[in-house]
Amino acid sequence: MAITMKVMWAIIGCGLVTWLSRVIPFVLVKNFYLPKWLIRYLSFVPIVIMTALIMENIFTHHAGSLPTVNLDNLLATVPTFIAAIISKSLIVIVVVGIICMALIRLVL
């Protein structure tokens, strides 16, 4: 498939908008003083995002009924969570999670 100029400009535009949406908040925060309560509030954002991502993968939503537990993901989450508590290293957490998921898929 050949890339037309219209598609090329769309790709460049999307890249620019994505880049600006990530850079502008850093530029604004750098030049302004943020109150302590806001900084404290924002410190919880990474924890909330990680919790949402984990829960989304452990529970599977079905329209019109209660969510069910994805057993494979739950079984891989337990040793990965333990590795996170012990090591506090992102690379260790990722490697343990990948190995656990591979073993679970191999066995089950």
N, C-alpha and C. Protein backbone atom coordinates (compact mmCIF):
# COMPACT_ATOMS: atom_id res chain seq x y z
N MET A 1 0.84 -1.17 0.00
CA MET A 1 0.00 0.00 0.00
C MET A 1 0.89 1.24 0.00
N ALA A 2 0.67 2.11 -0.92
CA ALA A 2 1.43 3.34 -1.02
C ALA A 2 0.87 4.38 -0.05
N ILE A 3 1.78 5.16 0.51
CA ILE A 3 1.37 6.21 1.44
C ILE A 3 1.16 7.49 0.65
N THR A 4 -0.04 8.01 0.71
CA THR A 4 -0.34 9.26 0.03
C THR A 4 0.05 10.43 0.94
N MET A 5 0.07 11.61 0.37
CA MET A 5 0.40 12.80 1.16
C MET A 5 -0.63 13.04 2.25
N LYS A 6 -1.89 12.71 1.96
CA LYS A 6 -2.94 12.89 2.96
C LYS A 6 -2.68 12.00 4.18
N VAL A 7 -2.29 10.76 3.92
CA VAL A 7 -1.99 9.83 5.02
C VAL A 7 -0.74 10.29 5.76
N MET A 8 0.25 10.74 5.02
CA MET A 8 1.49 11.21 5.64
C MET A 8 1.23 12.41 6.56
N TRP A 9 0.43 13.37 6.11
CA TRP A 9 0.11 14.52 6.95
C TRP A 9 -0.71 14.10 8.17
N ALA A 10 -1.57 13.10 8.01
CA ALA A 10 -2.35 12.59 9.15
C ALA A 10 -1.43 11.96 10.19
N ILE A 11 -0.44 11.19 9.73
CA ILE A 11 0.52 10.57 10.65
C ILE A 11 1.35 11.63 11.36
N ILE A 12 1.83 12.62 10.61
CA ILE A 12 2.62 13.70 11.21
C ILE A 12 1.78 14.49 12.21
N GLY A 13 0.54 14.79 11.84
CA GLY A 13 -0.35 15.52 12.75
C GLY A 13 -0.64 14.77 14.02
N CYS A 14 -0.92 13.48 13.89
CA CYS A 14 -1.19 12.66 15.08
C CYS A 14 0.04 12.58 15.98
N GLY A 15 1.21 12.44 15.37
CA GLY A 15 2.45 12.39 16.15
C GLY A 15 2.70 13.70 16.88
N LEU A 16 2.43 14.81 16.21
CA LEU A 16 2.63 16.13 16.83
C LEU A 16 1.67 16.34 18.00
N VAL A 17 0.42 15.99 17.81
CA VAL A 17 -0.57 16.14 18.88
C VAL A 17 -0.21 15.25 20.07
N THR A 18 0.22 14.02 19.78
CA THR A 18 0.62 13.11 20.86
C THR A 18 1.82 13.66 21.60
N TRP A 19 2.81 14.14 20.88
CA TRP A 19 4.01 14.69 21.50
C TRP A 19 3.68 15.92 22.34
N LEU A 20 2.88 16.82 21.80
CA LEU A 20 2.52 18.04 22.54
C LEU A 20 1.72 17.72 23.80
N SER A 21 0.83 16.74 23.72
CA SER A 21 0.04 16.40 24.91
C SER A 21 0.89 15.80 26.02
N ARG A 22 2.07 15.31 25.68
CA ARG A 22 2.97 14.79 26.71
C ARG A 22 3.96 15.85 27.19
N VAL A 23 4.33 16.79 26.35
CA VAL A 23 5.34 17.79 26.71
C VAL A 23 4.74 18.99 27.42
N ILE A 24 3.59 19.47 26.98
CA ILE A 24 2.99 20.69 27.55
C ILE A 24 2.77 20.60 29.06
N PRO A 25 2.27 19.49 29.61
CA PRO A 25 2.12 19.45 31.07
C PRO A 25 3.44 19.62 31.82
N PHE A 26 4.53 19.05 31.30
CA PHE A 26 5.83 19.21 31.96
C PHE A 26 6.30 20.66 31.92
N VAL A 27 6.09 21.32 30.79
CA VAL A 27 6.49 22.72 30.66
C VAL A 27 5.67 23.60 31.61
N LEU A 28 4.38 23.35 31.69
CA LEU A 28 3.53 24.15 32.57
C LEU A 28 3.86 23.93 34.04
N VAL A 29 4.06 22.69 34.43
CA VAL A 29 4.36 22.39 35.84
C VAL A 29 5.72 22.95 36.23
N LYS A 30 6.65 22.97 35.29
CA LYS A 30 7.98 23.48 35.59
C LYS A 30 7.96 24.97 35.92
N ASN A 31 7.05 25.71 35.31
CA ASN A 31 7.01 27.16 35.48
C ASN A 31 6.05 27.64 36.56
N PHE A 32 5.28 26.76 37.15
CA PHE A 32 4.32 27.14 38.17
C PHE A 32 4.58 26.41 39.47
N TYR A 33 4.18 27.04 40.56
CA TYR A 33 4.25 26.42 41.87
C TYR A 33 2.96 25.63 42.09
N LEU A 34 3.10 24.39 42.49
CA LEU A 34 1.93 23.56 42.79
C LEU A 34 1.77 23.47 44.30
N PRO A 35 0.55 23.60 44.79
CA PRO A 35 0.33 23.48 46.24
C PRO A 35 0.64 22.07 46.73
N LYS A 36 0.98 21.99 48.00
CA LYS A 36 1.35 20.70 48.59
C LYS A 36 0.24 19.67 48.49
N TRP A 37 -1.01 20.10 48.67
CA TRP A 37 -2.11 19.15 48.63
C TRP A 37 -2.26 18.54 47.24
N LEU A 38 -1.97 19.32 46.20
CA LEU A 38 -2.06 18.81 44.83
C LEU A 38 -0.94 17.82 44.54
N ILE A 39 0.26 18.12 45.00
CA ILE A 39 1.39 17.21 44.83
C ILE A 39 1.12 15.90 45.57
N ARG A 40 0.56 16.00 46.76
CA ARG A 40 0.21 14.79 47.52
C ARG A 40 -0.86 13.98 46.80
N TYR A 41 -1.85 14.68 46.26
CA TYR A 41 -2.91 14.03 45.50
C TYR A 41 -2.35 13.33 44.26
N LEU A 42 -1.49 14.00 43.53
CA LEU A 42 -0.91 13.44 42.31
C LEU A 42 0.04 12.28 42.58
N SER A 43 0.56 12.19 43.79
CA SER A 43 1.46 11.08 44.11
C SER A 43 0.75 9.73 44.09
N PHE A 44 -0.58 9.73 44.20
CA PHE A 44 -1.34 8.49 44.18
C PHE A 44 -1.71 8.03 42.78
N VAL A 45 -1.52 8.86 41.78
CA VAL A 45 -1.93 8.52 40.42
C VAL A 45 -1.24 7.25 39.90
N PRO A 46 0.08 7.06 40.03
CA PRO A 46 0.69 5.82 39.52
C PRO A 46 0.13 4.57 40.20
N ILE A 47 -0.13 4.64 41.49
CA ILE A 47 -0.67 3.48 42.20
C ILE A 47 -2.06 3.14 41.69
N VAL A 48 -2.87 4.15 41.48
CA VAL A 48 -4.23 3.94 40.99
C VAL A 48 -4.22 3.36 39.58
N ILE A 49 -3.34 3.86 38.73
CA ILE A 49 -3.26 3.36 37.36
C ILE A 49 -2.83 1.90 37.35
N MET A 50 -1.81 1.56 38.12
CA MET A 50 -1.35 0.17 38.17
C MET A 50 -2.43 -0.75 38.73
N THR A 51 -3.13 -0.31 39.75
CA THR A 51 -4.21 -1.12 40.31
C THR A 51 -5.31 -1.35 39.28
N ALA A 52 -5.67 -0.32 38.55
CA ALA A 52 -6.70 -0.46 37.52
C ALA A 52 -6.26 -1.42 36.43
N LEU A 53 -5.00 -1.34 36.00
CA LEU A 53 -4.51 -2.25 34.96
C LEU A 53 -4.49 -3.70 35.44
N ILE A 54 -4.08 -3.90 36.68
CA ILE A 54 -4.03 -5.27 37.23
C ILE A 54 -5.43 -5.83 37.37
N MET A 55 -6.35 -5.06 37.94
CA MET A 55 -7.71 -5.55 38.13
C MET A 55 -8.43 -5.80 36.81
N GLU A 56 -8.13 -4.98 35.82
CA GLU A 56 -8.74 -5.17 34.50
C GLU A 56 -8.33 -6.50 33.89
N ASN A 57 -7.09 -6.93 34.16
CA ASN A 57 -6.62 -8.19 33.59
C ASN A 57 -6.98 -9.40 34.44
N ILE A 58 -7.21 -9.21 35.71
CA ILE A 58 -7.61 -10.34 36.56
C ILE A 58 -9.08 -10.65 36.37
N PHE A 59 -9.90 -9.64 36.25
CA PHE A 59 -11.34 -9.85 36.10
C PHE A 59 -11.76 -9.63 34.65
N THR A 60 -12.61 -10.52 34.15
CA THR A 60 -13.13 -10.41 32.79
C THR A 60 -14.58 -9.99 32.86
N HIS A 61 -14.90 -8.91 32.16
CA HIS A 61 -16.26 -8.38 32.18
C HIS A 61 -17.11 -9.08 31.13
N HIS A 62 -18.32 -9.46 31.53
CA HIS A 62 -19.31 -10.03 30.61
C HIS A 62 -20.55 -9.15 30.66
N ALA A 63 -21.04 -8.78 29.50
CA ALA A 63 -22.22 -7.90 29.44
C ALA A 63 -23.41 -8.56 30.11
N GLY A 64 -24.02 -7.86 31.04
CA GLY A 64 -25.23 -8.34 31.69
C GLY A 64 -25.01 -9.30 32.84
N SER A 65 -23.76 -9.56 33.21
CA SER A 65 -23.51 -10.46 34.34
C SER A 65 -22.30 -9.97 35.13
N LEU A 66 -22.03 -10.64 36.22
CA LEU A 66 -20.91 -10.26 37.07
C LEU A 66 -19.59 -10.63 36.40
N PRO A 67 -18.52 -9.92 36.74
CA PRO A 67 -17.21 -10.28 36.19
C PRO A 67 -16.75 -11.64 36.70
N THR A 68 -15.96 -12.31 35.88
CA THR A 68 -15.38 -13.59 36.30
C THR A 68 -13.87 -13.42 36.44
N VAL A 69 -13.27 -14.32 37.19
CA VAL A 69 -11.83 -14.26 37.43
C VAL A 69 -11.10 -14.98 36.31
N ASN A 70 -10.09 -14.33 35.74
CA ASN A 70 -9.22 -14.95 34.75
C ASN A 70 -8.14 -15.67 35.54
N LEU A 71 -8.26 -16.99 35.64
CA LEU A 71 -7.39 -17.78 36.51
C LEU A 71 -5.93 -17.70 36.08
N ASP A 72 -5.65 -17.72 34.79
CA ASP A 72 -4.26 -17.64 34.32
C ASP A 72 -3.59 -16.36 34.81
N ASN A 73 -4.25 -15.25 34.62
CA ASN A 73 -3.69 -13.96 35.04
C ASN A 73 -3.57 -13.86 36.56
N LEU A 74 -4.53 -14.41 37.27
CA LEU A 74 -4.47 -14.38 38.73
C LEU A 74 -3.29 -15.19 39.24
N LEU A 75 -3.10 -16.38 38.67
CA LEU A 75 -1.98 -17.23 39.09
C LEU A 75 -0.63 -16.59 38.77
N ALA A 76 -0.53 -15.87 37.67
CA ALA A 76 0.72 -15.19 37.33
C ALA A 76 0.93 -13.94 38.18
N THR A 77 -0.15 -13.35 38.65
CA THR A 77 -0.05 -12.12 39.44
C THR A 77 0.54 -12.36 40.82
N VAL A 78 0.21 -13.47 41.43
CA VAL A 78 0.66 -13.72 42.81
C VAL A 78 2.19 -13.76 42.93
N PRO A 79 2.91 -14.61 42.17
CA PRO A 79 4.38 -14.57 42.30
C PRO A 79 5.00 -13.26 41.82
N THR A 80 4.35 -12.63 40.84
CA THR A 80 4.86 -11.35 40.36
C THR A 80 4.74 -10.28 41.43
N PHE A 81 3.63 -10.29 42.14
CA PHE A 81 3.43 -9.34 43.24
C PHE A 81 4.45 -9.58 44.36
N ILE A 82 4.71 -10.83 44.65
CA ILE A 82 5.71 -11.17 45.68
C ILE A 82 7.10 -10.70 45.23
N ALA A 83 7.42 -10.90 43.95
CA ALA A 83 8.71 -10.42 43.43
C ALA A 83 8.80 -8.90 43.51
N ALA A 84 7.68 -8.22 43.30
CA ALA A 84 7.67 -6.76 43.38
C ALA A 84 7.94 -6.29 44.80
N ILE A 85 7.35 -6.96 45.77
CA ILE A 85 7.57 -6.57 47.17
C ILE A 85 9.01 -6.82 47.58
N ILE A 86 9.56 -7.95 47.15
CA ILE A 86 10.92 -8.31 47.56
C ILE A 86 11.98 -7.48 46.84
N SER A 87 11.87 -7.39 45.51
CA SER A 87 12.96 -6.78 44.74
C SER A 87 12.83 -5.28 44.53
N LYS A 88 11.60 -4.80 44.33
CA LYS A 88 11.35 -3.39 44.00
C LYS A 88 12.11 -2.97 42.74
N SER A 89 12.36 -3.93 41.85
CA SER A 89 13.06 -3.67 40.60
C SER A 89 12.12 -3.99 39.44
N LEU A 90 11.92 -3.02 38.56
CA LEU A 90 10.99 -3.20 37.46
C LEU A 90 11.39 -4.34 36.54
N ILE A 91 12.68 -4.49 36.26
CA ILE A 91 13.12 -5.56 35.37
C ILE A 91 12.85 -6.93 35.98
N VAL A 92 13.06 -7.06 37.28
CA VAL A 92 12.78 -8.33 37.95
C VAL A 92 11.29 -8.62 37.91
N ILE A 93 10.47 -7.63 38.16
CA ILE A 93 9.02 -7.81 38.14
C ILE A 93 8.55 -8.25 36.76
N VAL A 94 9.05 -7.61 35.72
CA VAL A 94 8.64 -7.95 34.36
C VAL A 94 9.09 -9.36 33.99
N VAL A 95 10.33 -9.71 34.31
CA VAL A 95 10.84 -11.04 33.99
C VAL A 95 10.07 -12.11 34.74
N VAL A 96 9.82 -11.92 36.01
CA VAL A 96 9.05 -12.90 36.79
C VAL A 96 7.64 -13.03 36.23
N GLY A 97 7.01 -11.94 35.88
CA GLY A 97 5.67 -12.00 35.31
C GLY A 97 5.62 -12.74 33.99
N ILE A 98 6.60 -12.48 33.12
CA ILE A 98 6.64 -13.17 31.82
C ILE A 98 6.89 -14.66 32.00
N ILE A 99 7.83 -15.01 32.86
CA ILE A 99 8.13 -16.43 33.10
C ILE A 99 6.92 -17.14 33.70
N CYS A 100 6.27 -16.50 34.68
CA CYS A 100 5.09 -17.11 35.30
C CYS A 100 3.98 -17.33 34.28
N MET A 101 3.71 -16.35 33.46
CA MET A 101 2.66 -16.47 32.46
C MET A 101 3.01 -17.54 31.43
N ALA A 102 4.28 -17.62 31.03
CA ALA A 102 4.70 -18.65 30.07
C ALA A 102 4.54 -20.04 30.67
N LEU A 103 4.93 -20.21 31.92
CA LEU A 103 4.78 -21.52 32.56
C LEU A 103 3.32 -21.92 32.74
N ILE A 104 2.51 -20.96 33.10
CA ILE A 104 1.08 -21.24 33.28
C ILE A 104 0.45 -21.64 31.96
N ARG A 105 0.78 -20.95 30.89
CA ARG A 105 0.22 -21.29 29.58
C ARG A 105 0.77 -22.61 29.07
N LEU A 106 2.01 -22.96 29.45
CA LEU A 106 2.59 -24.22 29.06
C LEU A 106 1.91 -25.39 29.79
N VAL A 107 1.66 -25.21 31.08
CA VAL A 107 1.07 -26.26 31.90
C VAL A 107 -0.44 -26.35 31.68
N LEU A 108 -1.13 -25.23 31.69
CA LEU A 108 -2.58 -25.26 31.54
C LEU A 108 -2.91 -25.17 30.08
